[in-house]
Amino acid sequence: MGSNYQDRIVISVGGSLVVPNGGIDTHFLKNLNNFIREQLAQNENSQFFLVVGGGAIARHYRDAGREVIGHELTRDDLDWLGIHATKLNAHLVRTIFRDIAHPYIIKHYEIIRKVTEPVVVASGWKPGWSTDYDAVLLCEDYGVKTIINLSNIDKVYDKDPKKFSDAKSYDKISWEDFRKIVGDEWIPGINAPFDPVAAKKAQELGTKVVVLNGNNFDNLEKYFKGEQFVGTVIES
């Protein structure tokens, strides 16, 4: 059962890091590969769960479908396109870690098998939420209290900093206040630091989420060492 792992780490890897608009970011994947292997070399009692998002692939399929049929796709179809995009990305990540990863991608979360490999890769599951929610389910099943949420932003803001110059950033924020920002509704393709359905579940479980920019591995290293880092801690 892998009970020798005292340190289980769940990382929600934003799809925008793996597939930003314009192709697969191999620079990011090389950095992720090096970083995880270095962490495992330093602490053989750690086990990493990498829950991989869909990124721009789902948007390309959504836009193609809309162009052909002349109107928006159903939410169900949008979600399924996103889920299949996460499976493709997850398989790529599992391929990178093939020598140390569990041979199967976790894609069903009713019964999560206890696995013994140091790296476990997971994808999306079913419509109604993002891979952030799946990361919370892994935490519930494995008794993990913290999710590292890697995305393409440095911190949580009260509104989109790309659109609003007066957007306020947070070093720490409560789940209650965070959920006021993101709301309660899941919309496929929503641009939120952590999805609303996942936020509700994380608050119920008392799970902490640390939002960090996944393109800054020096900063991620600081977090792992317990040093001062740039990011946002969300907790009750």
C-alpha atoms as a PDB file:
ATOM      1  CA  MET A   1       0.000   0.000   0.000  1.00  0.00           C
ATOM      2  CA  GLY A   2       2.998   2.323   0.069  1.00  0.00           C
ATOM      3  CA  SER A   3       2.629   3.031   3.769  1.00  0.00           C
ATOM      4  CA  ASN A   4       6.328   3.976   3.849  1.00  0.00           C
ATOM      5  CA  TYR A   5       5.367   7.344   2.290  1.00  0.00           C
ATOM      6  CA  GLN A   6       5.191   9.804   5.160  1.00  0.00           C
ATOM      7  CA  ASP A   7       5.049  12.765   2.828  1.00  0.00           C
ATOM      8  CA  ARG A   8       2.355  12.663   0.166  1.00  0.00           C
ATOM      9  CA  ILE A   9       2.191  15.746  -2.037  1.00  0.00           C
ATOM     10  CA  VAL A  10      -0.757  16.555  -4.286  1.00  0.00           C
ATOM     11  CA  ILE A  11      -0.024  19.017  -7.088  1.00  0.00           C
ATOM     12  CA  SER A  12      -2.767  20.358  -9.340  1.00  0.00           C
ATOM     13  CA  VAL A  13      -0.858  21.144 -12.546  1.00  0.00           C
ATOM     14  CA  GLY A  14      -2.744  23.795 -14.499  1.00  0.00           C
ATOM     15  CA  GLY A  15      -3.358  22.840 -18.116  1.00  0.00           C
ATOM     16  CA  SER A  16      -2.272  26.336 -19.163  1.00  0.00           C
ATOM     17  CA  LEU A  17       1.272  25.385 -18.095  1.00  0.00           C
ATOM     18  CA  VAL A  18       1.366  22.166 -20.121  1.00  0.00           C
ATOM     19  CA  VAL A  19      -0.452  23.485 -23.198  1.00  0.00           C
ATOM     20  CA  PRO A  20      -0.540  27.269 -23.341  1.00  0.00           C
ATOM     21  CA  ASN A  21      -2.025  28.665 -26.527  1.00  0.00           C
ATOM     22  CA  GLY A  22       0.408  27.651 -29.245  1.00  0.00           C
ATOM     23  CA  GLY A  23       1.506  24.117 -28.440  1.00  0.00           C
ATOM     24  CA  ILE A  24       3.007  21.985 -25.703  1.00  0.00           C
ATOM     25  CA  ASP A  25       5.429  23.780 -23.380  1.00  0.00           C
ATOM     26  CA  THR A  26       8.355  21.344 -23.285  1.00  0.00           C
ATOM     27  CA  HIS A  27      10.417  23.865 -21.282  1.00  0.00           C
ATOM     28  CA  PHE A  28       7.887  23.678 -18.448  1.00  0.00           C
ATOM     29  CA  LEU A  29       7.722  19.869 -18.660  1.00  0.00           C
ATOM     30  CA  LYS A  30      11.525  19.568 -18.496  1.00  0.00           C
ATOM     31  CA  ASN A  31      11.566  21.796 -15.410  1.00  0.00           C
ATOM     32  CA  LEU A  32       8.753  19.788 -13.804  1.00  0.00           C
ATOM     33  CA  ASN A  33      10.572  16.535 -14.558  1.00  0.00           C
ATOM     34  CA  ASN A  34      13.837  17.791 -13.043  1.00  0.00           C
ATOM     35  CA  PHE A  35      12.127  19.324 -10.024  1.00  0.00           C
ATOM     36  CA  ILE A  36      10.104  16.229  -9.044  1.00  0.00           C
ATOM     37  CA  ARG A  37      13.115  13.934  -9.471  1.00  0.00           C
ATOM     38  CA  GLU A  38      15.282  16.249  -7.358  1.00  0.00           C
ATOM     39  CA  GLN A  39      12.638  16.303  -4.617  1.00  0.00           C
ATOM     40  CA  LEU A  40      12.433  12.510  -4.650  1.00  0.00           C
ATOM     41  CA  ALA A  41      16.228  12.251  -4.456  1.00  0.00           C
ATOM     42  CA  GLN A  42      16.209  14.499  -1.385  1.00  0.00           C
ATOM     43  CA  ASN A  43      13.308  12.706   0.311  1.00  0.00           C
ATOM     44  CA  GLU A  44      12.719   9.080  -0.604  1.00  0.00           C
ATOM     45  CA  ASN A  45       9.682   9.004   1.706  1.00  0.00           C
ATOM     46  CA  SER A  46       7.755  11.417  -0.516  1.00  0.00           C
ATOM     47  CA  GLN A  47       5.128  10.492  -3.084  1.00  0.00           C
ATOM     48  CA  PHE A  48       3.853  12.947  -5.690  1.00  0.00           C
ATOM     49  CA  PHE A  49       0.331  12.987  -7.115  1.00  0.00           C
ATOM     50  CA  LEU A  50       0.255  15.110 -10.277  1.00  0.00           C
ATOM     51  CA  VAL A  51      -3.285  16.019 -11.356  1.00  0.00           C
ATOM     52  CA  VAL A  52      -3.007  17.432 -14.874  1.00  0.00           C
ATOM     53  CA  GLY A  53      -5.366  19.973 -16.471  1.00  0.00           C
ATOM     54  CA  GLY A  54      -6.439  20.361 -20.093  1.00  0.00           C
ATOM     55  CA  GLY A  55      -5.079  23.727 -21.202  1.00  0.00           C
ATOM     56  CA  ALA A  56      -5.661  25.202 -24.635  1.00  0.00           C
ATOM     57  CA  ILE A  57      -6.400  21.848 -26.320  1.00  0.00           C
ATOM     58  CA  ALA A  58      -9.985  21.826 -25.044  1.00  0.00           C
ATOM     59  CA  ARG A  59     -10.502  25.413 -26.218  1.00  0.00           C
ATOM     60  CA  HIS A  60      -9.332  24.538 -29.743  1.00  0.00           C
ATOM     61  CA  TYR A  61     -11.815  21.658 -29.898  1.00  0.00           C
ATOM     62  CA  ARG A  62     -14.586  23.806 -28.437  1.00  0.00           C
ATOM     63  CA  ASP A  63     -13.966  26.553 -30.993  1.00  0.00           C
ATOM     64  CA  ALA A  64     -13.869  24.021 -33.846  1.00  0.00           C
ATOM     65  CA  GLY A  65     -17.181  22.496 -32.777  1.00  0.00           C
ATOM     66  CA  ARG A  66     -18.790  25.916 -32.452  1.00  0.00           C
ATOM     67  CA  GLU A  67     -17.540  26.941 -35.898  1.00  0.00           C
ATOM     68  CA  VAL A  68     -18.960  23.809 -37.556  1.00  0.00           C
ATOM     69  CA  ILE A  69     -22.407  23.819 -35.932  1.00  0.00           C
ATOM     70  CA  GLY A  70     -22.737  27.589 -35.729  1.00  0.00           C
ATOM     71  CA  HIS A  71     -23.552  27.830 -32.029  1.00  0.00           C
ATOM     72  CA  GLU A  72     -22.151  27.020 -28.588  1.00  0.00           C
ATOM     73  CA  LEU A  73     -21.725  23.387 -27.572  1.00  0.00           C
ATOM     74  CA  THR A  74     -23.597  22.003 -24.571  1.00  0.00           C
ATOM     75  CA  ARG A  75     -21.906  22.243 -21.184  1.00  0.00           C
ATOM     76  CA  ASP A  76     -21.743  18.457 -21.079  1.00  0.00           C
ATOM     77  CA  ASP A  77     -19.881  18.292 -24.402  1.00  0.00           C
ATOM     78  CA  LEU A  78     -17.580  21.130 -23.364  1.00  0.00           C
ATOM     79  CA  ASP A  79     -16.738  19.289 -20.159  1.00  0.00           C
ATOM     80  CA  TRP A  80     -16.073  16.003 -21.970  1.00  0.00           C
ATOM     81  CA  LEU A  81     -13.734  17.727 -24.428  1.00  0.00           C
ATOM     82  CA  GLY A  82     -11.904  19.205 -21.449  1.00  0.00           C
ATOM     83  CA  ILE A  83     -11.726  15.833 -19.680  1.00  0.00           C
ATOM     84  CA  HIS A  84     -10.277  14.094 -22.734  1.00  0.00           C
ATOM     85  CA  ALA A  85      -7.738  16.924 -23.051  1.00  0.00           C
ATOM     86  CA  THR A  86      -6.659  16.273 -19.447  1.00  0.00           C
ATOM     87  CA  LYS A  87      -6.245  12.556 -20.229  1.00  0.00           C
ATOM     88  CA  LEU A  88      -3.996  13.320 -23.202  1.00  0.00           C
ATOM     89  CA  ASN A  89      -1.878  15.714 -21.139  1.00  0.00           C
ATOM     90  CA  ALA A  90      -1.772  13.299 -18.196  1.00  0.00           C
ATOM     91  CA  HIS A  91      -0.570  10.516 -20.459  1.00  0.00           C
ATOM     92  CA  LEU A  92       2.243  12.738 -21.699  1.00  0.00           C
ATOM     93  CA  VAL A  93       3.268  13.505 -18.103  1.00  0.00           C
ATOM     94  CA  ARG A  94       3.082   9.828 -17.149  1.00  0.00           C
ATOM     95  CA  THR A  95       5.278   9.009 -20.146  1.00  0.00           C
ATOM     96  CA  ILE A  96       7.903  11.480 -18.894  1.00  0.00           C
ATOM     97  CA  PHE A  97       7.924   9.774 -15.478  1.00  0.00           C
ATOM     98  CA  ARG A  98       7.478   6.261 -16.912  1.00  0.00           C
ATOM     99  CA  ASP A  99      10.376   4.733 -14.944  1.00  0.00           C
ATOM    100  CA  ILE A 100       9.004   5.840 -11.556  1.00  0.00           C
ATOM    101  CA  ALA A 101       5.282   6.397 -12.175  1.00  0.00           C
ATOM    102  CA  HIS A 102       2.269   4.209 -11.495  1.00  0.00           C
ATOM    103  CA  PRO A 103       1.480   2.506 -14.842  1.00  0.00           C
ATOM    104  CA  TYR A 104      -2.134   3.697 -14.960  1.00  0.00           C
ATOM    105  CA  ILE A 105      -3.493   7.219 -14.908  1.00  0.00           C
ATOM    106  CA  ILE A 106      -6.053   7.778 -12.157  1.00  0.00           C
ATOM    107  CA  LYS A 107      -9.224   8.813 -13.992  1.00  0.00           C
ATOM    108  CA  HIS A 108     -11.959   7.323 -11.794  1.00  0.00           C
ATOM    109  CA  TYR A 109     -12.340   8.604  -8.279  1.00  0.00           C
ATOM    110  CA  GLU A 110     -15.091   6.457  -6.718  1.00  0.00           C
ATOM    111  CA  ILE A 111     -12.492   3.940  -5.580  1.00  0.00           C
ATOM    112  CA  ILE A 112      -8.945   5.243  -5.621  1.00  0.00           C
ATOM    113  CA  ARG A 113      -6.527   2.332  -5.407  1.00  0.00           C
ATOM    114  CA  LYS A 114      -3.639   2.733  -3.014  1.00  0.00           C
ATOM    115  CA  VAL A 115      -0.534   2.840  -5.163  1.00  0.00           C
ATOM    116  CA  THR A 116       3.107   2.330  -4.254  1.00  0.00           C
ATOM    117  CA  GLU A 117       5.070   4.193  -6.949  1.00  0.00           C
ATOM    118  CA  PRO A 118       6.684   7.553  -6.065  1.00  0.00           C
ATOM    119  CA  VAL A 119       4.822   9.391  -8.864  1.00  0.00           C
ATOM    120  CA  VAL A 120       1.111   9.017  -9.587  1.00  0.00           C
ATOM    121  CA  VAL A 121      -0.490  10.900 -12.483  1.00  0.00           C
ATOM    122  CA  ALA A 122      -4.197  11.722 -12.537  1.00  0.00           C
ATOM    123  CA  SER A 123      -6.551  13.286 -15.099  1.00  0.00           C
ATOM    124  CA  GLY A 124     -10.098  14.639 -15.193  1.00  0.00           C
ATOM    125  CA  TRP A 125     -13.009  12.398 -14.298  1.00  0.00           C
ATOM    126  CA  LYS A 126     -16.526  13.501 -15.237  1.00  0.00           C
ATOM    127  CA  PRO A 127     -18.505  16.672 -16.030  1.00  0.00           C
ATOM    128  CA  GLY A 128     -19.295  19.271 -13.393  1.00  0.00           C
ATOM    129  CA  TRP A 129     -15.871  20.416 -12.184  1.00  0.00           C
ATOM    130  CA  SER A 130     -12.213  20.754 -13.108  1.00  0.00           C
ATOM    131  CA  THR A 131      -9.163  18.691 -12.186  1.00  0.00           C
ATOM    132  CA  ASP A 132      -8.849  20.925  -9.082  1.00  0.00           C
ATOM    133  CA  TYR A 133     -11.803  19.010  -7.624  1.00  0.00           C
ATOM    134  CA  ASP A 134     -10.175  15.687  -8.489  1.00  0.00           C
ATOM    135  CA  ALA A 135      -7.086  16.854  -6.591  1.00  0.00           C
ATOM    136  CA  VAL A 136      -9.286  17.499  -3.541  1.00  0.00           C
ATOM    137  CA  LEU A 137     -10.741  13.980  -3.833  1.00  0.00           C
ATOM    138  CA  LEU A 138      -7.210  12.539  -3.819  1.00  0.00           C
ATOM    139  CA  CYS A 139      -6.476  14.540  -0.663  1.00  0.00           C
ATOM    140  CA  GLU A 140      -9.612  13.159   0.969  1.00  0.00           C
ATOM    141  CA  ASP A 141      -8.735   9.585   0.042  1.00  0.00           C
ATOM    142  CA  TYR A 142      -5.069   9.727   1.039  1.00  0.00           C
ATOM    143  CA  GLY A 143      -5.403  11.991   4.071  1.00  0.00           C
ATOM    144  CA  VAL A 144      -3.393  14.818   2.496  1.00  0.00           C
ATOM    145  CA  LYS A 145      -4.022  18.272   3.976  1.00  0.00           C
ATOM    146  CA  THR A 146      -2.432  20.558   1.358  1.00  0.00           C
ATOM    147  CA  ILE A 147      -2.754  20.982  -2.409  1.00  0.00           C
ATOM    148  CA  ILE A 148      -0.067  22.830  -4.355  1.00  0.00           C
ATOM    149  CA  ASN A 149      -1.925  24.531  -7.172  1.00  0.00           C
ATOM    150  CA  LEU A 150       0.392  25.467 -10.045  1.00  0.00           C
ATOM    151  CA  SER A 151      -1.038  27.913 -12.557  1.00  0.00           C
ATOM    152  CA  ASN A 152       0.125  30.803 -14.737  1.00  0.00           C
ATOM    153  CA  ILE A 153      -0.504  33.481 -12.092  1.00  0.00           C
ATOM    154  CA  ASP A 154       1.672  34.542  -9.153  1.00  0.00           C
ATOM    155  CA  LYS A 155      -1.147  34.968  -6.631  1.00  0.00           C
ATOM    156  CA  VAL A 156      -4.907  35.040  -6.186  1.00  0.00           C
ATOM    157  CA  TYR A 157      -6.459  38.388  -7.140  1.00  0.00           C
ATOM    158  CA  ASP A 158      -9.915  39.775  -6.430  1.00  0.00           C
ATOM    159  CA  LYS A 159     -10.344  40.261 -10.208  1.00  0.00           C
ATOM    160  CA  ASP A 160      -8.402  39.589 -13.390  1.00  0.00           C
ATOM    161  CA  PRO A 161      -5.126  41.587 -13.128  1.00  0.00           C
ATOM    162  CA  LYS A 162      -4.712  41.425 -16.924  1.00  0.00           C
ATOM    163  CA  LYS A 163      -7.933  43.428 -17.319  1.00  0.00           C
ATOM    164  CA  PHE A 164      -7.980  45.551 -14.161  1.00  0.00           C
ATOM    165  CA  SER A 165      -4.941  47.549 -13.057  1.00  0.00           C
ATOM    166  CA  ASP A 166      -6.454  48.004  -9.573  1.00  0.00           C
ATOM    167  CA  ALA A 167      -6.773  44.240  -8.950  1.00  0.00           C
ATOM    168  CA  LYS A 168      -5.796  43.365  -5.376  1.00  0.00           C
ATOM    169  CA  SER A 169      -3.582  40.353  -4.660  1.00  0.00           C
ATOM    170  CA  TYR A 170      -3.584  38.184  -1.535  1.00  0.00           C
ATOM    171  CA  ASP A 171      -0.799  36.440   0.364  1.00  0.00           C
ATOM    172  CA  LYS A 172      -3.447  34.705   2.484  1.00  0.00           C
ATOM    173  CA  ILE A 173      -7.206  34.441   2.073  1.00  0.00           C
ATOM    174  CA  SER A 174      -9.935  32.450   3.800  1.00  0.00           C
ATOM    175  CA  TRP A 175     -12.075  29.952   1.881  1.00  0.00           C
ATOM    176  CA  GLU A 176     -15.100  32.092   2.707  1.00  0.00           C
ATOM    177  CA  ASP A 177     -13.581  35.181   1.089  1.00  0.00           C
ATOM    178  CA  PHE A 178     -12.091  33.220  -1.817  1.00  0.00           C
ATOM    179  CA  ARG A 179     -15.476  31.690  -2.619  1.00  0.00           C
ATOM    180  CA  LYS A 180     -17.016  35.178  -2.711  1.00  0.00           C
ATOM    181  CA  ILE A 181     -14.575  35.921  -5.550  1.00  0.00           C
ATOM    182  CA  VAL A 182     -15.069  32.744  -7.633  1.00  0.00           C
ATOM    183  CA  GLY A 183     -18.746  32.069  -6.832  1.00  0.00           C
ATOM    184  CA  ASP A 184     -20.391  28.642  -6.576  1.00  0.00           C
ATOM    185  CA  GLU A 185     -21.033  27.718 -10.194  1.00  0.00           C
ATOM    186  CA  TRP A 186     -18.817  25.574 -12.401  1.00  0.00           C
ATOM    187  CA  ILE A 187     -18.664  26.843 -15.988  1.00  0.00           C
ATOM    188  CA  PRO A 188     -16.546  24.760 -18.423  1.00  0.00           C
ATOM    189  CA  GLY A 189     -13.363  26.654 -19.233  1.00  0.00           C
ATOM    190  CA  ILE A 190     -13.824  29.055 -16.316  1.00  0.00           C
ATOM    191  CA  ASN A 191     -10.756  31.177 -15.594  1.00  0.00           C
ATOM    192  CA  ALA A 192     -10.435  30.847 -11.805  1.00  0.00           C
ATOM    193  CA  PRO A 193      -7.356  30.170  -9.641  1.00  0.00           C
ATOM    194  CA  PHE A 194      -9.208  27.194  -8.082  1.00  0.00           C
ATOM    195  CA  ASP A 195     -12.570  25.991  -9.347  1.00  0.00           C
ATOM    196  CA  PRO A 196     -15.736  26.858  -7.332  1.00  0.00           C
ATOM    197  CA  VAL A 197     -16.837  23.225  -6.798  1.00  0.00           C
ATOM    198  CA  ALA A 198     -13.319  22.291  -5.665  1.00  0.00           C
ATOM    199  CA  ALA A 199     -13.223  25.311  -3.347  1.00  0.00           C
ATOM    200  CA  LYS A 200     -16.463  24.244  -1.627  1.00  0.00           C
ATOM    201  CA  LYS A 201     -15.171  20.693  -1.100  1.00  0.00           C
ATOM    202  CA  ALA A 202     -11.758  21.894   0.099  1.00  0.00           C
ATOM    203  CA  GLN A 203     -13.414  24.190   2.632  1.00  0.00           C
ATOM    204  CA  GLU A 204     -15.572  21.308   3.915  1.00  0.00           C
ATOM    205  CA  LEU A 205     -12.517  19.064   4.320  1.00  0.00           C
ATOM    206  CA  GLY A 206     -10.316  21.776   5.829  1.00  0.00           C
ATOM    207  CA  THR A 207      -7.834  21.380   2.978  1.00  0.00           C
ATOM    208  CA  LYS A 208      -5.253  24.119   2.444  1.00  0.00           C
ATOM    209  CA  VAL A 209      -4.430  25.228  -1.095  1.00  0.00           C
ATOM    210  CA  VAL A 210      -1.231  27.051  -2.009  1.00  0.00           C
ATOM    211  CA  VAL A 211      -1.474  28.905  -5.339  1.00  0.00           C
ATOM    212  CA  LEU A 212       1.910  29.364  -7.041  1.00  0.00           C
ATOM    213  CA  ASN A 213       3.151  30.304 -10.500  1.00  0.00           C
ATOM    214  CA  GLY A 214       4.173  27.018 -12.112  1.00  0.00           C
ATOM    215  CA  ASN A 215       6.717  28.740 -14.342  1.00  0.00           C
ATOM    216  CA  ASN A 216       8.802  29.834 -11.339  1.00  0.00           C
ATOM    217  CA  PHE A 217      10.548  26.706 -10.043  1.00  0.00           C
ATOM    218  CA  ASP A 218      12.958  28.705  -7.857  1.00  0.00           C
ATOM    219  CA  ASN A 219       9.926  30.024  -5.986  1.00  0.00           C
ATOM    220  CA  LEU A 220       8.431  26.523  -5.781  1.00  0.00           C
ATOM    221  CA  GLU A 221      11.715  25.299  -4.304  1.00  0.00           C
ATOM    222  CA  LYS A 222      11.463  28.023  -1.634  1.00  0.00           C
ATOM    223  CA  TYR A 223       7.992  26.794  -0.710  1.00  0.00           C
ATOM    224  CA  PHE A 224       9.261  23.221  -0.332  1.00  0.00           C
ATOM    225  CA  LYS A 225      12.149  24.402   1.853  1.00  0.00           C
ATOM    226  CA  GLY A 226       9.799  26.361   4.104  1.00  0.00           C
ATOM    227  CA  GLU A 227      11.291  29.685   3.007  1.00  0.00           C
ATOM    228  CA  GLN A 228       9.543  32.923   2.080  1.00  0.00           C
ATOM    229  CA  PHE A 229       7.738  32.443  -1.254  1.00  0.00           C
ATOM    230  CA  VAL A 230       5.467  34.369  -3.596  1.00  0.00           C
ATOM    231  CA  GLY A 231       1.980  32.924  -3.742  1.00  0.00           C
ATOM    232  CA  THR A 232      -1.395  32.750  -1.994  1.00  0.00           C
ATOM    233  CA  VAL A 233      -2.389  30.428   0.850  1.00  0.00           C
ATOM    234  CA  ILE A 234      -6.113  29.631   0.959  1.00  0.00           C
ATOM    235  CA  GLU A 235      -7.370  27.991   4.148  1.00  0.00           C
ATOM    236  CA  SER A 236     -10.232  28.153   6.615  1.00  0.00           C
END
